[in-house]
Amino acid sequence: MTEIHLTEEEQAFIDSKLQSGVYKSAEDVVRAALHSLEYSDELTRQMIDAADAQVAAGETIRFESAEAVADSIIERGMRRLNRKS
């Protein structure tokens, strides 16, 4: 069996999950956290693979400066917000 050492904050987090009644044991909390991490890692891998495919296909945008990148991000974000309203 693996032994782990937790900070006070991590133990308090586990305790709060146990007190909520959602989990029956610390092992259940850790198991759920590992499942969540595995899912997050898989999503990250998929996004990286998709980005690599876009670069390989030449689907990139060139910017002249960091300011131009920031402006583009803000502009795209504003367009998305306006579509949702």
C-alpha atoms as a PDB file:
ATOM      1  CA  MET A   1       0.000   0.000   0.000  1.00  0.00           C
ATOM      2  CA  THR A   2       1.205   3.492  -0.822  1.00  0.00           C
ATOM      3  CA  GLU A   3       1.542   5.996   1.987  1.00  0.00           C
ATOM      4  CA  ILE A   4       1.077   9.687   1.243  1.00  0.00           C
ATOM      5  CA  HIS A   5       1.757  12.754   3.341  1.00  0.00           C
ATOM      6  CA  LEU A   6      -0.673  15.656   3.088  1.00  0.00           C
ATOM      7  CA  THR A   7      -0.444  19.283   4.040  1.00  0.00           C
ATOM      8  CA  GLU A   8      -2.917  20.585   6.597  1.00  0.00           C
ATOM      9  CA  GLU A   9      -4.853  22.260   3.786  1.00  0.00           C
ATOM     10  CA  GLU A  10      -5.075  19.046   1.769  1.00  0.00           C
ATOM     11  CA  GLN A  11      -6.248  17.095   4.801  1.00  0.00           C
ATOM     12  CA  ALA A  12      -8.815  19.787   5.581  1.00  0.00           C
ATOM     13  CA  PHE A  13     -10.090  19.549   2.012  1.00  0.00           C
ATOM     14  CA  ILE A  14     -10.506  15.789   2.319  1.00  0.00           C
ATOM     15  CA  ASP A  15     -12.186  16.210   5.697  1.00  0.00           C
ATOM     16  CA  SER A  16     -14.632  18.735   4.247  1.00  0.00           C
ATOM     17  CA  LYS A  17     -15.541  16.303   1.469  1.00  0.00           C
ATOM     18  CA  LEU A  18     -16.116  13.566   4.024  1.00  0.00           C
ATOM     19  CA  GLN A  19     -18.244  15.851   6.197  1.00  0.00           C
ATOM     20  CA  SER A  20     -20.373  16.783   3.200  1.00  0.00           C
ATOM     21  CA  GLY A  21     -21.467  13.162   3.008  1.00  0.00           C
ATOM     22  CA  VAL A  22     -20.612  12.875  -0.688  1.00  0.00           C
ATOM     23  CA  TYR A  23     -17.695  10.540   0.012  1.00  0.00           C
ATOM     24  CA  LYS A  24     -17.528   7.670   2.498  1.00  0.00           C
ATOM     25  CA  SER A  25     -13.755   7.523   2.925  1.00  0.00           C
ATOM     26  CA  ALA A  26     -10.547   9.419   2.284  1.00  0.00           C
ATOM     27  CA  GLU A  27      -9.725   6.770  -0.306  1.00  0.00           C
ATOM     28  CA  ASP A  28     -12.931   7.668  -2.177  1.00  0.00           C
ATOM     29  CA  VAL A  29     -11.921  11.341  -2.209  1.00  0.00           C
ATOM     30  CA  VAL A  30      -8.428  10.542  -3.492  1.00  0.00           C
ATOM     31  CA  ARG A  31      -9.838   8.113  -6.073  1.00  0.00           C
ATOM     32  CA  ALA A  32     -12.231  10.817  -7.369  1.00  0.00           C
ATOM     33  CA  ALA A  33      -9.384  13.339  -7.489  1.00  0.00           C
ATOM     34  CA  LEU A  34      -7.205  10.924  -9.468  1.00  0.00           C
ATOM     35  CA  HIS A  35     -10.069  10.262 -11.887  1.00  0.00           C
ATOM     36  CA  SER A  36     -10.495  14.013 -12.350  1.00  0.00           C
ATOM     37  CA  LEU A  37      -6.752  14.432 -12.955  1.00  0.00           C
ATOM     38  CA  GLU A  38      -6.767  11.612 -15.491  1.00  0.00           C
ATOM     39  CA  TYR A  39      -9.702  13.233 -17.325  1.00  0.00           C
ATOM     40  CA  SER A  40      -7.988  16.637 -17.274  1.00  0.00           C
ATOM     41  CA  ASP A  41      -4.746  15.136 -18.595  1.00  0.00           C
ATOM     42  CA  GLU A  42      -6.636  13.450 -21.445  1.00  0.00           C
ATOM     43  CA  LEU A  43      -8.380  16.707 -22.405  1.00  0.00           C
ATOM     44  CA  THR A  44      -5.044  18.517 -22.365  1.00  0.00           C
ATOM     45  CA  ARG A  45      -3.487  15.835 -24.566  1.00  0.00           C
ATOM     46  CA  GLN A  46      -6.401  16.126 -27.029  1.00  0.00           C
ATOM     47  CA  MET A  47      -6.034  19.914 -27.196  1.00  0.00           C
ATOM     48  CA  ILE A  48      -2.292  19.636 -27.787  1.00  0.00           C
ATOM     49  CA  ASP A  49      -2.851  17.043 -30.520  1.00  0.00           C
ATOM     50  CA  ALA A  50      -5.450  19.293 -32.174  1.00  0.00           C
ATOM     51  CA  ALA A  51      -3.088  22.279 -32.015  1.00  0.00           C
ATOM     52  CA  ASP A  52      -0.243  20.204 -33.462  1.00  0.00           C
ATOM     53  CA  ALA A  53      -2.528  19.121 -36.322  1.00  0.00           C
ATOM     54  CA  GLN A  54      -3.458  22.744 -37.026  1.00  0.00           C
ATOM     55  CA  VAL A  55       0.182  23.781 -37.137  1.00  0.00           C
ATOM     56  CA  ALA A  56       1.025  20.831 -39.413  1.00  0.00           C
ATOM     57  CA  ALA A  57      -1.825  21.875 -41.732  1.00  0.00           C
ATOM     58  CA  GLY A  58      -0.522  25.441 -41.836  1.00  0.00           C
ATOM     59  CA  GLU A  59      -3.488  26.805 -39.906  1.00  0.00           C
ATOM     60  CA  THR A  60      -1.578  29.416 -37.963  1.00  0.00           C
ATOM     61  CA  ILE A  61      -1.861  33.159 -37.458  1.00  0.00           C
ATOM     62  CA  ARG A  62       1.232  35.361 -37.492  1.00  0.00           C
ATOM     63  CA  PHE A  63       1.407  38.380 -35.238  1.00  0.00           C
ATOM     64  CA  GLU A  64       3.837  41.272 -35.425  1.00  0.00           C
ATOM     65  CA  SER A  65       3.974  41.880 -31.676  1.00  0.00           C
ATOM     66  CA  ALA A  66       2.772  40.706 -28.284  1.00  0.00           C
ATOM     67  CA  GLU A  67       0.355  43.618 -28.306  1.00  0.00           C
ATOM     68  CA  ALA A  68      -1.179  42.312 -31.538  1.00  0.00           C
ATOM     69  CA  VAL A  69      -1.639  38.899 -29.910  1.00  0.00           C
ATOM     70  CA  ALA A  70      -3.358  40.490 -26.919  1.00  0.00           C
ATOM     71  CA  ASP A  71      -5.603  42.584 -29.169  1.00  0.00           C
ATOM     72  CA  SER A  72      -6.603  39.491 -31.136  1.00  0.00           C
ATOM     73  CA  ILE A  73      -7.428  37.557 -27.972  1.00  0.00           C
ATOM     74  CA  ILE A  74      -9.521  40.427 -26.626  1.00  0.00           C
ATOM     75  CA  GLU A  75     -11.331  40.846 -29.933  1.00  0.00           C
ATOM     76  CA  ARG A  76     -12.170  37.132 -30.195  1.00  0.00           C
ATOM     77  CA  GLY A  77     -13.299  37.080 -26.575  1.00  0.00           C
ATOM     78  CA  MET A  78     -15.570  40.063 -27.108  1.00  0.00           C
ATOM     79  CA  ARG A  79     -17.106  38.412 -30.193  1.00  0.00           C
ATOM     80  CA  ARG A  80     -17.828  35.269 -28.169  1.00  0.00           C
ATOM     81  CA  LEU A  81     -19.394  37.284 -25.364  1.00  0.00           C
ATOM     82  CA  ASN A  82     -21.581  39.185 -27.819  1.00  0.00           C
ATOM     83  CA  ARG A  83     -22.808  35.924 -29.368  1.00  0.00           C
ATOM     84  CA  LYS A  84     -23.891  34.620 -25.961  1.00  0.00           C
ATOM     85  CA  SER A  85     -25.943  37.699 -25.055  1.00  0.00           C
END
